[in-house]
N, C-alpha and C. Protein backbone atom coordinates (compact mmCIF):
# COMPACT_ATOMS: atom_id res chain seq x y z
N MET A 1 15.80 -2.50 -20.84
CA MET A 1 15.20 -3.82 -20.72
C MET A 1 14.22 -4.03 -21.88
N SER A 2 14.32 -5.18 -22.53
CA SER A 2 13.45 -5.47 -23.66
C SER A 2 12.01 -5.67 -23.18
N LYS A 3 11.07 -5.51 -24.09
CA LYS A 3 9.67 -5.71 -23.74
C LYS A 3 9.41 -7.14 -23.29
N LYS A 4 10.09 -8.09 -23.95
CA LYS A 4 9.89 -9.49 -23.60
C LYS A 4 10.39 -9.77 -22.18
N ARG A 5 11.56 -9.22 -21.86
CA ARG A 5 12.11 -9.42 -20.52
C ARG A 5 11.23 -8.74 -19.46
N ALA A 6 10.78 -7.54 -19.77
CA ALA A 6 9.92 -6.81 -18.84
C ALA A 6 8.61 -7.56 -18.61
N ALA A 7 8.06 -8.14 -19.67
CA ALA A 7 6.81 -8.89 -19.56
C ALA A 7 7.00 -10.14 -18.70
N ARG A 8 8.15 -10.81 -18.87
CA ARG A 8 8.41 -12.01 -18.08
C ARG A 8 8.58 -11.66 -16.61
N ARG A 9 9.31 -10.57 -16.33
CA ARG A 9 9.48 -10.13 -14.95
C ARG A 9 8.12 -9.78 -14.32
N ALA A 10 7.27 -9.12 -15.09
CA ALA A 10 5.94 -8.76 -14.59
C ALA A 10 5.13 -10.02 -14.28
N GLN A 11 5.28 -11.04 -15.13
CA GLN A 11 4.58 -12.30 -14.91
C GLN A 11 5.05 -12.95 -13.60
N ILE A 12 6.35 -12.93 -13.38
CA ILE A 12 6.91 -13.54 -12.17
C ILE A 12 6.47 -12.77 -10.93
N ILE A 13 6.48 -11.45 -11.00
CA ILE A 13 6.06 -10.63 -9.86
C ILE A 13 4.58 -10.90 -9.54
N SER A 14 3.75 -10.97 -10.56
CA SER A 14 2.34 -11.27 -10.35
C SER A 14 2.17 -12.65 -9.73
N GLY A 15 2.95 -13.60 -10.20
CA GLY A 15 2.90 -14.94 -9.62
C GLY A 15 3.35 -14.95 -8.18
N ALA A 16 4.36 -14.15 -7.86
CA ALA A 16 4.86 -14.07 -6.49
C ALA A 16 3.81 -13.47 -5.57
N ILE A 17 3.11 -12.44 -6.04
CA ILE A 17 2.05 -11.84 -5.23
C ILE A 17 0.98 -12.88 -4.90
N SER A 18 0.59 -13.66 -5.88
CA SER A 18 -0.42 -14.70 -5.66
C SER A 18 0.10 -15.78 -4.73
N ALA A 19 1.34 -16.19 -4.92
CA ALA A 19 1.91 -17.25 -4.09
C ALA A 19 2.05 -16.80 -2.63
N ILE A 20 2.48 -15.57 -2.42
CA ILE A 20 2.60 -15.05 -1.05
C ILE A 20 1.22 -14.93 -0.41
N ALA A 21 0.25 -14.46 -1.18
CA ALA A 21 -1.12 -14.32 -0.67
C ALA A 21 -1.70 -15.68 -0.28
N ASP A 22 -1.42 -16.70 -1.07
CA ASP A 22 -2.02 -18.02 -0.85
C ASP A 22 -1.27 -18.87 0.17
N HIS A 23 0.06 -18.70 0.25
CA HIS A 23 0.86 -19.63 1.05
C HIS A 23 1.67 -18.96 2.16
N GLY A 24 1.73 -17.63 2.18
CA GLY A 24 2.60 -16.97 3.15
C GLY A 24 3.97 -16.74 2.55
N TYR A 25 4.73 -15.83 3.13
CA TYR A 25 6.02 -15.47 2.55
C TYR A 25 7.01 -16.63 2.58
N GLU A 26 7.16 -17.28 3.72
CA GLU A 26 8.15 -18.35 3.84
C GLU A 26 7.85 -19.51 2.91
N ARG A 27 6.59 -19.85 2.76
CA ARG A 27 6.21 -21.00 1.93
C ARG A 27 6.02 -20.63 0.47
N ALA A 28 6.17 -19.35 0.16
CA ALA A 28 6.11 -18.94 -1.26
C ALA A 28 7.50 -19.15 -1.86
N THR A 29 7.84 -20.40 -2.06
CA THR A 29 9.16 -20.76 -2.57
C THR A 29 9.27 -20.43 -4.05
N ILE A 30 10.51 -20.46 -4.53
CA ILE A 30 10.73 -20.25 -5.97
C ILE A 30 9.95 -21.28 -6.77
N GLN A 31 9.90 -22.51 -6.28
CA GLN A 31 9.16 -23.56 -6.97
C GLN A 31 7.67 -23.22 -7.03
N ARG A 32 7.12 -22.73 -5.93
CA ARG A 32 5.69 -22.39 -5.90
C ARG A 32 5.41 -21.21 -6.83
N ILE A 33 6.30 -20.24 -6.82
CA ILE A 33 6.12 -19.09 -7.71
C ILE A 33 6.18 -19.54 -9.17
N ALA A 34 7.12 -20.44 -9.46
CA ALA A 34 7.25 -20.96 -10.81
C ALA A 34 5.99 -21.71 -11.24
N THR A 35 5.45 -22.51 -10.32
CA THR A 35 4.22 -23.24 -10.60
C THR A 35 3.07 -22.27 -10.86
N GLN A 36 3.01 -21.21 -10.06
CA GLN A 36 1.96 -20.21 -10.23
C GLN A 36 2.05 -19.55 -11.61
N CYS A 37 3.28 -19.37 -12.09
CA CYS A 37 3.50 -18.72 -13.40
C CYS A 37 3.51 -19.70 -14.56
N ASP A 38 3.53 -20.99 -14.23
CA ASP A 38 3.63 -22.04 -15.24
C ASP A 38 4.93 -21.92 -16.04
N ILE A 39 6.02 -21.70 -15.30
CA ILE A 39 7.36 -21.65 -15.90
C ILE A 39 8.30 -22.47 -15.03
N THR A 40 9.53 -22.60 -15.44
CA THR A 40 10.51 -23.37 -14.68
C THR A 40 11.19 -22.48 -13.63
N PRO A 41 11.62 -23.06 -12.50
CA PRO A 41 12.36 -22.29 -11.50
C PRO A 41 13.61 -21.63 -12.08
N GLY A 42 14.25 -22.32 -13.03
CA GLY A 42 15.45 -21.77 -13.64
C GLY A 42 15.19 -20.45 -14.35
N LEU A 43 14.01 -20.33 -14.94
CA LEU A 43 13.67 -19.09 -15.63
C LEU A 43 13.49 -17.95 -14.63
N ILE A 44 12.99 -18.26 -13.44
CA ILE A 44 12.88 -17.23 -12.40
C ILE A 44 14.27 -16.76 -11.98
N HIS A 45 15.19 -17.72 -11.81
CA HIS A 45 16.56 -17.37 -11.40
C HIS A 45 17.29 -16.57 -12.49
N TYR A 46 16.84 -16.70 -13.70
CA TYR A 46 17.44 -15.91 -14.78
C TYR A 46 17.08 -14.43 -14.62
N HIS A 47 15.89 -14.17 -14.10
CA HIS A 47 15.42 -12.80 -13.96
C HIS A 47 15.66 -12.21 -12.57
N PHE A 48 15.73 -13.06 -11.56
CA PHE A 48 15.94 -12.61 -10.18
C PHE A 48 17.01 -13.48 -9.52
N LYS A 49 17.96 -12.84 -8.86
CA LYS A 49 19.05 -13.58 -8.23
C LYS A 49 18.56 -14.46 -7.09
N ASN A 50 17.60 -13.94 -6.32
CA ASN A 50 17.13 -14.67 -5.14
C ASN A 50 15.74 -14.17 -4.76
N LYS A 51 15.23 -14.75 -3.69
CA LYS A 51 13.88 -14.42 -3.24
C LYS A 51 13.80 -12.98 -2.74
N GLN A 52 14.89 -12.48 -2.18
CA GLN A 52 14.88 -11.10 -1.69
C GLN A 52 14.66 -10.12 -2.84
N GLU A 53 15.27 -10.38 -3.97
CA GLU A 53 15.06 -9.53 -5.14
C GLU A 53 13.60 -9.57 -5.59
N ILE A 54 12.99 -10.73 -5.49
CA ILE A 54 11.57 -10.84 -5.84
C ILE A 54 10.74 -10.04 -4.86
N LEU A 55 11.08 -10.12 -3.57
CA LEU A 55 10.36 -9.35 -2.55
C LEU A 55 10.41 -7.86 -2.85
N VAL A 56 11.58 -7.36 -3.17
CA VAL A 56 11.73 -5.93 -3.50
C VAL A 56 10.85 -5.58 -4.69
N ALA A 57 10.87 -6.43 -5.71
CA ALA A 57 10.06 -6.18 -6.90
C ALA A 57 8.57 -6.22 -6.58
N VAL A 58 8.17 -7.12 -5.70
CA VAL A 58 6.76 -7.21 -5.29
C VAL A 58 6.33 -5.93 -4.58
N LEU A 59 7.16 -5.46 -3.65
CA LEU A 59 6.83 -4.23 -2.94
C LEU A 59 6.80 -3.03 -3.88
N GLU A 60 7.70 -3.00 -4.83
CA GLU A 60 7.69 -1.92 -5.82
C GLU A 60 6.41 -1.96 -6.65
N GLU A 61 5.97 -3.16 -7.01
CA GLU A 61 4.74 -3.31 -7.79
C GLU A 61 3.52 -2.87 -6.97
N LEU A 62 3.46 -3.30 -5.71
CA LEU A 62 2.33 -2.90 -4.87
C LEU A 62 2.31 -1.40 -4.66
N SER A 63 3.49 -0.81 -4.51
CA SER A 63 3.59 0.65 -4.35
C SER A 63 3.14 1.36 -5.62
N ALA A 64 3.52 0.81 -6.77
CA ALA A 64 3.13 1.41 -8.04
C ALA A 64 1.61 1.35 -8.23
N ARG A 65 1.00 0.25 -7.81
CA ARG A 65 -0.45 0.14 -7.91
C ARG A 65 -1.13 1.17 -7.01
N LEU A 66 -0.59 1.35 -5.80
CA LEU A 66 -1.13 2.35 -4.89
C LEU A 66 -1.01 3.75 -5.49
N LEU A 67 0.15 4.05 -6.06
CA LEU A 67 0.36 5.37 -6.65
C LEU A 67 -0.62 5.62 -7.79
N ALA A 68 -0.86 4.59 -8.60
CA ALA A 68 -1.80 4.73 -9.71
C ALA A 68 -3.21 4.99 -9.20
N ARG A 69 -3.60 4.29 -8.15
CA ARG A 69 -4.92 4.51 -7.55
C ARG A 69 -5.01 5.89 -6.93
N TYR A 70 -3.92 6.31 -6.28
CA TYR A 70 -3.87 7.64 -5.66
C TYR A 70 -4.05 8.73 -6.71
N GLU A 71 -3.31 8.61 -7.79
CA GLU A 71 -3.40 9.63 -8.85
C GLU A 71 -4.79 9.63 -9.50
N ALA A 72 -5.40 8.44 -9.59
CA ALA A 72 -6.75 8.36 -10.15
C ALA A 72 -7.78 9.00 -9.23
N SER A 73 -7.47 9.05 -7.94
CA SER A 73 -8.40 9.62 -6.96
C SER A 73 -8.27 11.13 -6.82
N LEU A 74 -7.16 11.69 -7.31
CA LEU A 74 -6.96 13.13 -7.18
C LEU A 74 -7.96 13.88 -8.05
N PRO A 75 -8.51 14.97 -7.53
CA PRO A 75 -9.43 15.78 -8.34
C PRO A 75 -8.65 16.59 -9.36
N THR A 76 -9.33 16.98 -10.40
CA THR A 76 -8.71 17.87 -11.37
C THR A 76 -8.73 19.29 -10.81
N GLN A 77 -8.01 20.19 -11.45
CA GLN A 77 -7.98 21.58 -11.00
C GLN A 77 -9.38 22.18 -11.01
N ASP A 78 -10.22 21.75 -11.90
CA ASP A 78 -11.58 22.28 -11.97
C ASP A 78 -12.42 21.86 -10.76
N ASP A 79 -11.97 20.79 -10.08
CA ASP A 79 -12.74 20.29 -8.95
C ASP A 79 -12.42 21.02 -7.65
N THR A 80 -11.35 21.79 -7.62
CA THR A 80 -10.94 22.46 -6.40
C THR A 80 -10.73 23.94 -6.68
N SER A 81 -11.07 24.75 -5.70
CA SER A 81 -10.98 26.19 -5.90
C SER A 81 -9.86 26.85 -5.14
N THR A 82 -9.30 26.16 -4.15
CA THR A 82 -8.22 26.76 -3.36
C THR A 82 -7.11 25.76 -3.16
N VAL A 83 -5.94 26.26 -2.80
CA VAL A 83 -4.80 25.38 -2.52
C VAL A 83 -5.11 24.48 -1.34
N ALA A 84 -5.80 25.04 -0.33
CA ALA A 84 -6.15 24.24 0.85
C ALA A 84 -7.04 23.07 0.48
N ASN A 85 -8.03 23.34 -0.40
CA ASN A 85 -8.90 22.26 -0.83
C ASN A 85 -8.13 21.19 -1.59
N GLN A 86 -7.17 21.63 -2.42
CA GLN A 86 -6.36 20.67 -3.17
C GLN A 86 -5.56 19.79 -2.22
N ALA A 87 -4.98 20.41 -1.18
CA ALA A 87 -4.19 19.63 -0.22
C ALA A 87 -5.08 18.67 0.54
N SER A 88 -6.26 19.16 0.96
CA SER A 88 -7.20 18.29 1.66
C SER A 88 -7.59 17.12 0.77
N SER A 89 -7.78 17.40 -0.51
CA SER A 89 -8.14 16.35 -1.45
C SER A 89 -7.02 15.33 -1.60
N ARG A 90 -5.78 15.76 -1.44
CA ARG A 90 -4.65 14.83 -1.52
C ARG A 90 -4.73 13.81 -0.40
N ILE A 91 -5.08 14.24 0.80
CA ILE A 91 -5.21 13.31 1.92
C ILE A 91 -6.35 12.34 1.67
N ASP A 92 -7.49 12.88 1.21
CA ASP A 92 -8.63 12.02 0.94
C ASP A 92 -8.33 11.06 -0.21
N ALA A 93 -7.59 11.54 -1.20
CA ALA A 93 -7.22 10.67 -2.32
C ALA A 93 -6.35 9.51 -1.85
N PHE A 94 -5.49 9.79 -0.88
CA PHE A 94 -4.60 8.74 -0.36
C PHE A 94 -5.40 7.65 0.33
N ILE A 95 -6.30 8.04 1.24
CA ILE A 95 -7.06 7.02 1.95
C ILE A 95 -8.05 6.33 1.01
N SER A 96 -8.56 7.08 0.03
CA SER A 96 -9.46 6.46 -0.95
C SER A 96 -8.71 5.42 -1.78
N ALA A 97 -7.48 5.72 -2.14
CA ALA A 97 -6.67 4.79 -2.92
C ALA A 97 -6.48 3.47 -2.19
N LEU A 98 -6.40 3.54 -0.87
CA LEU A 98 -6.17 2.34 -0.08
C LEU A 98 -7.45 1.64 0.35
N LEU A 99 -8.53 2.41 0.55
CA LEU A 99 -9.71 1.84 1.19
C LEU A 99 -10.98 1.83 0.34
N SER A 100 -11.05 2.66 -0.69
CA SER A 100 -12.28 2.73 -1.47
C SER A 100 -12.44 1.53 -2.39
N ARG A 101 -13.62 0.96 -2.41
CA ARG A 101 -13.90 -0.15 -3.30
C ARG A 101 -14.36 0.32 -4.67
N GLU A 102 -14.60 1.62 -4.80
CA GLU A 102 -15.04 2.16 -6.08
C GLU A 102 -13.96 2.03 -7.15
N LEU A 103 -12.70 1.98 -6.71
CA LEU A 103 -11.59 1.85 -7.65
C LEU A 103 -11.28 0.39 -7.98
N GLY A 104 -12.09 -0.49 -7.43
CA GLY A 104 -11.86 -1.91 -7.65
C GLY A 104 -11.08 -2.53 -6.51
N GLU A 105 -11.21 -3.83 -6.34
CA GLU A 105 -10.54 -4.55 -5.27
C GLU A 105 -9.51 -5.52 -5.85
N ASP A 106 -8.42 -5.68 -5.14
CA ASP A 106 -7.39 -6.63 -5.51
C ASP A 106 -7.06 -7.44 -4.26
N GLN A 107 -7.85 -8.49 -4.04
CA GLN A 107 -7.72 -9.26 -2.81
C GLN A 107 -6.37 -9.95 -2.69
N HIS A 108 -5.81 -10.40 -3.81
CA HIS A 108 -4.49 -11.03 -3.74
C HIS A 108 -3.43 -10.02 -3.30
N ALA A 109 -3.50 -8.82 -3.84
CA ALA A 109 -2.54 -7.78 -3.47
C ALA A 109 -2.67 -7.43 -2.00
N LEU A 110 -3.91 -7.31 -1.51
CA LEU A 110 -4.13 -6.99 -0.10
C LEU A 110 -3.62 -8.10 0.81
N ALA A 111 -3.95 -9.34 0.47
CA ALA A 111 -3.48 -10.48 1.28
C ALA A 111 -1.96 -10.56 1.26
N CYS A 112 -1.37 -10.29 0.11
CA CYS A 112 0.09 -10.29 0.00
C CYS A 112 0.69 -9.23 0.89
N TRP A 113 0.11 -8.02 0.86
CA TRP A 113 0.62 -6.92 1.66
C TRP A 113 0.56 -7.25 3.16
N VAL A 114 -0.57 -7.78 3.62
CA VAL A 114 -0.72 -8.12 5.03
C VAL A 114 0.28 -9.20 5.43
N THR A 115 0.49 -10.17 4.54
CA THR A 115 1.45 -11.25 4.81
C THR A 115 2.87 -10.70 4.94
N ILE A 116 3.24 -9.80 4.04
CA ILE A 116 4.58 -9.21 4.10
C ILE A 116 4.73 -8.36 5.36
N ALA A 117 3.69 -7.62 5.72
CA ALA A 117 3.73 -6.80 6.93
C ALA A 117 3.95 -7.68 8.16
N ALA A 118 3.23 -8.81 8.23
CA ALA A 118 3.39 -9.72 9.36
C ALA A 118 4.79 -10.33 9.38
N GLU A 119 5.30 -10.68 8.22
CA GLU A 119 6.63 -11.29 8.12
C GLU A 119 7.71 -10.29 8.53
N SER A 120 7.46 -9.00 8.30
CA SER A 120 8.47 -7.99 8.63
C SER A 120 8.74 -7.91 10.14
N VAL A 121 7.78 -8.38 10.94
CA VAL A 121 7.96 -8.38 12.40
C VAL A 121 9.05 -9.37 12.80
N HIS A 122 9.19 -10.43 12.04
CA HIS A 122 10.12 -11.52 12.40
C HIS A 122 11.39 -11.55 11.55
N SER A 123 11.35 -10.91 10.40
CA SER A 123 12.49 -10.98 9.48
C SER A 123 13.06 -9.59 9.23
N SER A 124 14.30 -9.38 9.61
CA SER A 124 14.94 -8.08 9.37
C SER A 124 15.11 -7.84 7.88
N GLU A 125 15.28 -8.90 7.12
CA GLU A 125 15.42 -8.79 5.67
C GLU A 125 14.16 -8.21 5.04
N VAL A 126 13.01 -8.71 5.49
CA VAL A 126 11.73 -8.22 4.98
C VAL A 126 11.43 -6.84 5.56
N GLN A 127 11.74 -6.65 6.83
CA GLN A 127 11.39 -5.41 7.52
C GLN A 127 12.02 -4.19 6.88
N VAL A 128 13.27 -4.29 6.47
CA VAL A 128 13.96 -3.12 5.92
C VAL A 128 13.29 -2.65 4.64
N HIS A 129 12.79 -3.56 3.84
CA HIS A 129 12.13 -3.18 2.58
C HIS A 129 10.70 -2.69 2.83
N PHE A 130 10.01 -3.37 3.73
CA PHE A 130 8.66 -2.95 4.09
C PHE A 130 8.69 -1.55 4.71
N ASP A 131 9.65 -1.31 5.57
CA ASP A 131 9.78 -0.01 6.22
C ASP A 131 10.02 1.09 5.19
N GLY A 132 10.78 0.79 4.16
CA GLY A 132 11.04 1.78 3.12
C GLY A 132 9.77 2.23 2.43
N VAL A 133 8.88 1.28 2.15
CA VAL A 133 7.61 1.62 1.50
C VAL A 133 6.75 2.45 2.43
N MET A 134 6.70 2.07 3.71
CA MET A 134 5.89 2.81 4.67
C MET A 134 6.41 4.24 4.85
N LEU A 135 7.70 4.41 4.83
CA LEU A 135 8.27 5.75 4.96
C LEU A 135 7.90 6.63 3.77
N GLN A 136 7.82 6.04 2.59
CA GLN A 136 7.39 6.80 1.41
C GLN A 136 5.95 7.27 1.57
N GLN A 137 5.08 6.38 2.03
CA GLN A 137 3.69 6.75 2.25
C GLN A 137 3.58 7.81 3.34
N HIS A 138 4.37 7.67 4.38
CA HIS A 138 4.37 8.62 5.48
C HIS A 138 4.78 10.00 5.00
N ALA A 139 5.80 10.07 4.16
CA ALA A 139 6.28 11.35 3.63
C ALA A 139 5.22 12.02 2.78
N LEU A 140 4.50 11.23 1.98
CA LEU A 140 3.44 11.79 1.15
C LEU A 140 2.35 12.42 2.01
N LEU A 141 1.96 11.73 3.08
CA LEU A 141 0.93 12.26 3.98
C LEU A 141 1.41 13.50 4.71
N CYS A 142 2.65 13.47 5.18
CA CYS A 142 3.20 14.63 5.90
C CYS A 142 3.18 15.88 5.02
N GLU A 143 3.58 15.72 3.78
CA GLU A 143 3.60 16.86 2.87
C GLU A 143 2.20 17.43 2.69
N ALA A 144 1.22 16.56 2.51
CA ALA A 144 -0.16 17.01 2.33
C ALA A 144 -0.69 17.69 3.59
N LEU A 145 -0.38 17.14 4.75
CA LEU A 145 -0.85 17.72 6.01
C LEU A 145 -0.22 19.08 6.27
N GLU A 146 1.05 19.23 5.97
CA GLU A 146 1.72 20.51 6.17
C GLU A 146 1.13 21.58 5.26
N GLN A 147 0.75 21.21 4.05
CA GLN A 147 0.18 22.17 3.12
C GLN A 147 -1.29 22.45 3.44
N GLU A 148 -1.99 21.44 3.94
CA GLU A 148 -3.42 21.59 4.17
C GLU A 148 -3.73 22.58 5.29
N HIS A 149 -3.14 22.35 6.44
CA HIS A 149 -3.43 23.19 7.60
C HIS A 149 -2.18 23.84 8.19
N ARG A 150 -1.14 23.85 7.38
CA ARG A 150 0.13 24.42 7.84
C ARG A 150 0.58 23.79 9.16
N CYS A 151 0.39 22.48 9.22
CA CYS A 151 0.84 21.74 10.40
C CYS A 151 2.35 21.86 10.53
N GLN A 152 2.81 21.99 11.74
CA GLN A 152 4.24 21.91 11.98
C GLN A 152 4.71 20.49 11.67
N PRO A 153 5.94 20.33 11.20
CA PRO A 153 6.41 18.99 10.81
C PRO A 153 6.19 17.91 11.87
N ALA A 154 6.45 18.24 13.14
CA ALA A 154 6.29 17.22 14.19
C ALA A 154 4.84 16.77 14.30
N LEU A 155 3.91 17.71 14.21
CA LEU A 155 2.50 17.36 14.29
C LEU A 155 2.07 16.58 13.06
N ALA A 156 2.50 17.01 11.90
CA ALA A 156 2.17 16.30 10.66
C ALA A 156 2.66 14.86 10.72
N GLN A 157 3.84 14.65 11.27
CA GLN A 157 4.38 13.30 11.38
C GLN A 157 3.52 12.43 12.29
N GLU A 158 3.05 13.00 13.39
CA GLU A 158 2.22 12.23 14.31
C GLU A 158 0.89 11.86 13.68
N ILE A 159 0.25 12.82 13.01
CA ILE A 159 -1.04 12.55 12.38
C ILE A 159 -0.87 11.54 11.24
N ALA A 160 0.19 11.70 10.45
CA ALA A 160 0.44 10.77 9.35
C ALA A 160 0.65 9.36 9.88
N THR A 161 1.38 9.24 10.99
CA THR A 161 1.60 7.92 11.60
C THR A 161 0.29 7.32 12.07
N ALA A 162 -0.58 8.15 12.67
CA ALA A 162 -1.88 7.67 13.14
C ALA A 162 -2.74 7.19 11.98
N ILE A 163 -2.70 7.92 10.87
CA ILE A 163 -3.47 7.52 9.69
C ILE A 163 -3.00 6.16 9.17
N LEU A 164 -1.69 6.01 9.05
CA LEU A 164 -1.15 4.75 8.55
C LEU A 164 -1.46 3.59 9.50
N ALA A 165 -1.41 3.87 10.80
CA ALA A 165 -1.71 2.83 11.79
C ALA A 165 -3.15 2.34 11.63
N GLN A 166 -4.07 3.28 11.44
CA GLN A 166 -5.48 2.90 11.25
C GLN A 166 -5.66 2.06 9.98
N ILE A 167 -5.04 2.50 8.91
CA ILE A 167 -5.20 1.80 7.64
C ILE A 167 -4.62 0.39 7.73
N GLN A 168 -3.45 0.26 8.35
CA GLN A 168 -2.86 -1.07 8.48
C GLN A 168 -3.72 -1.96 9.37
N GLY A 169 -4.33 -1.37 10.39
CA GLY A 169 -5.24 -2.13 11.24
C GLY A 169 -6.45 -2.61 10.48
N VAL A 170 -6.98 -1.75 9.62
CA VAL A 170 -8.12 -2.12 8.76
C VAL A 170 -7.73 -3.28 7.84
N PHE A 171 -6.54 -3.19 7.25
CA PHE A 171 -6.08 -4.26 6.37
C PHE A 171 -6.01 -5.59 7.11
N LEU A 172 -5.42 -5.56 8.30
CA LEU A 172 -5.29 -6.79 9.09
C LEU A 172 -6.65 -7.36 9.45
N LEU A 173 -7.55 -6.50 9.90
CA LEU A 173 -8.88 -6.96 10.30
C LEU A 173 -9.65 -7.52 9.11
N SER A 174 -9.47 -6.91 7.95
CA SER A 174 -10.19 -7.38 6.76
C SER A 174 -9.78 -8.79 6.37
N GLN A 175 -8.55 -9.17 6.71
CA GLN A 175 -8.07 -10.52 6.42
C GLN A 175 -8.35 -11.49 7.55
N ALA A 176 -8.25 -11.01 8.80
CA ALA A 176 -8.40 -11.90 9.95
C ALA A 176 -9.85 -12.09 10.37
N SER A 177 -10.67 -11.04 10.19
CA SER A 177 -12.07 -11.12 10.61
C SER A 177 -12.95 -10.31 9.65
N PRO A 178 -13.07 -10.76 8.42
CA PRO A 178 -13.79 -9.99 7.39
C PRO A 178 -15.25 -9.72 7.71
N ALA A 179 -15.86 -10.55 8.56
CA ALA A 179 -17.27 -10.36 8.87
C ALA A 179 -17.52 -9.03 9.58
N LEU A 180 -16.49 -8.49 10.21
CA LEU A 180 -16.64 -7.22 10.92
C LEU A 180 -16.62 -6.01 9.99
N MET A 181 -16.17 -6.21 8.77
CA MET A 181 -15.95 -5.09 7.85
C MET A 181 -17.19 -4.82 7.01
N ARG A 182 -18.05 -3.94 7.48
CA ARG A 182 -19.23 -3.56 6.72
C ARG A 182 -18.83 -2.70 5.52
N GLU A 183 -19.69 -2.68 4.54
CA GLU A 183 -19.45 -1.92 3.32
C GLU A 183 -19.21 -0.45 3.64
N GLY A 184 -18.08 0.07 3.22
CA GLY A 184 -17.77 1.48 3.40
C GLY A 184 -17.32 1.88 4.78
N PHE A 185 -17.28 0.91 5.72
CA PHE A 185 -16.93 1.22 7.11
C PHE A 185 -15.55 1.84 7.22
N ALA A 186 -14.56 1.23 6.62
CA ALA A 186 -13.18 1.67 6.79
C ALA A 186 -12.98 3.10 6.29
N LEU A 187 -13.46 3.38 5.10
CA LEU A 187 -13.28 4.70 4.52
C LEU A 187 -13.97 5.77 5.36
N ARG A 188 -15.20 5.50 5.80
CA ARG A 188 -15.94 6.46 6.62
C ARG A 188 -15.22 6.75 7.93
N GLN A 189 -14.78 5.70 8.59
CA GLN A 189 -14.19 5.87 9.91
C GLN A 189 -12.82 6.54 9.86
N VAL A 190 -12.02 6.19 8.86
CA VAL A 190 -10.71 6.84 8.76
C VAL A 190 -10.87 8.32 8.41
N ARG A 191 -11.81 8.64 7.54
CA ARG A 191 -12.08 10.04 7.22
C ARG A 191 -12.51 10.80 8.48
N ALA A 192 -13.41 10.21 9.25
CA ALA A 192 -13.89 10.86 10.47
C ALA A 192 -12.77 11.02 11.49
N SER A 193 -11.91 10.01 11.57
CA SER A 193 -10.80 10.07 12.51
C SER A 193 -9.81 11.17 12.15
N ILE A 194 -9.52 11.31 10.87
CA ILE A 194 -8.61 12.37 10.43
C ILE A 194 -9.18 13.73 10.78
N ARG A 195 -10.45 13.90 10.51
CA ARG A 195 -11.11 15.16 10.83
C ARG A 195 -11.02 15.44 12.33
N GLY A 196 -11.28 14.41 13.14
CA GLY A 196 -11.20 14.58 14.58
C GLY A 196 -9.81 14.95 15.06
N MET A 197 -8.80 14.30 14.49
CA MET A 197 -7.43 14.61 14.88
C MET A 197 -7.07 16.06 14.55
N LEU A 198 -7.52 16.51 13.39
CA LEU A 198 -7.22 17.89 12.99
C LEU A 198 -7.95 18.90 13.87
N ILE A 199 -9.18 18.58 14.25
CA ILE A 199 -9.94 19.47 15.14
C ILE A 199 -9.23 19.59 16.49
N LEU A 200 -8.81 18.45 17.04
CA LEU A 200 -8.14 18.47 18.34
C LEU A 200 -6.78 19.17 18.28
N ALA A 201 -6.06 18.93 17.18
CA ALA A 201 -4.70 19.46 17.08
C ALA A 201 -4.64 20.90 16.63
N MET A 202 -5.54 21.25 15.70
CA MET A 202 -5.46 22.55 15.06
C MET A 202 -6.64 23.46 15.34
N GLY A 203 -7.72 22.91 15.90
CA GLY A 203 -8.90 23.70 16.15
C GLY A 203 -9.61 24.10 14.88
N VAL A 204 -9.60 23.20 13.85
CA VAL A 204 -10.24 23.52 12.57
C VAL A 204 -11.63 22.92 12.50
């Protein structure tokens, strides 16, 4: 793919994220996305066959941003002295990537994510793609949990699911009732909850 084509696709994806955040998935029409990008609808159709292709690209972009934040949160080898500490840091890096404001905030991306999550409840087309992203995040957490405390796979899956459920709840609350979200609340509470789950499950 040429740099020009890649840049145009990135522009459209960014416009789609903003349009979904501002108007909801159903009302984020090709026309609205085009208006957001200041281009013609025909140019969008040149790069994407339909809205579903745009949705996939949006989810891939949001996942890529999360991965970049996750990698930025990982400590260097000098910061950790044992394999267990490194694995523990992977879990903390994951929740920090999603909840820490120190890495910067992207309110449009968050609003877009919550909108897509809500739409997935009603649309099988959206749900299958959203589920794919969540399964990737779940697998990352399971791997870290199994290495951290040698959790059995079944236990790691349950704890990983609980972590994701809390984070998604935080995301929803931050959009629906932001006044409840005190500075640093989400990160502190999810960290404490993970620790509590591990104590109950593993006696650590």
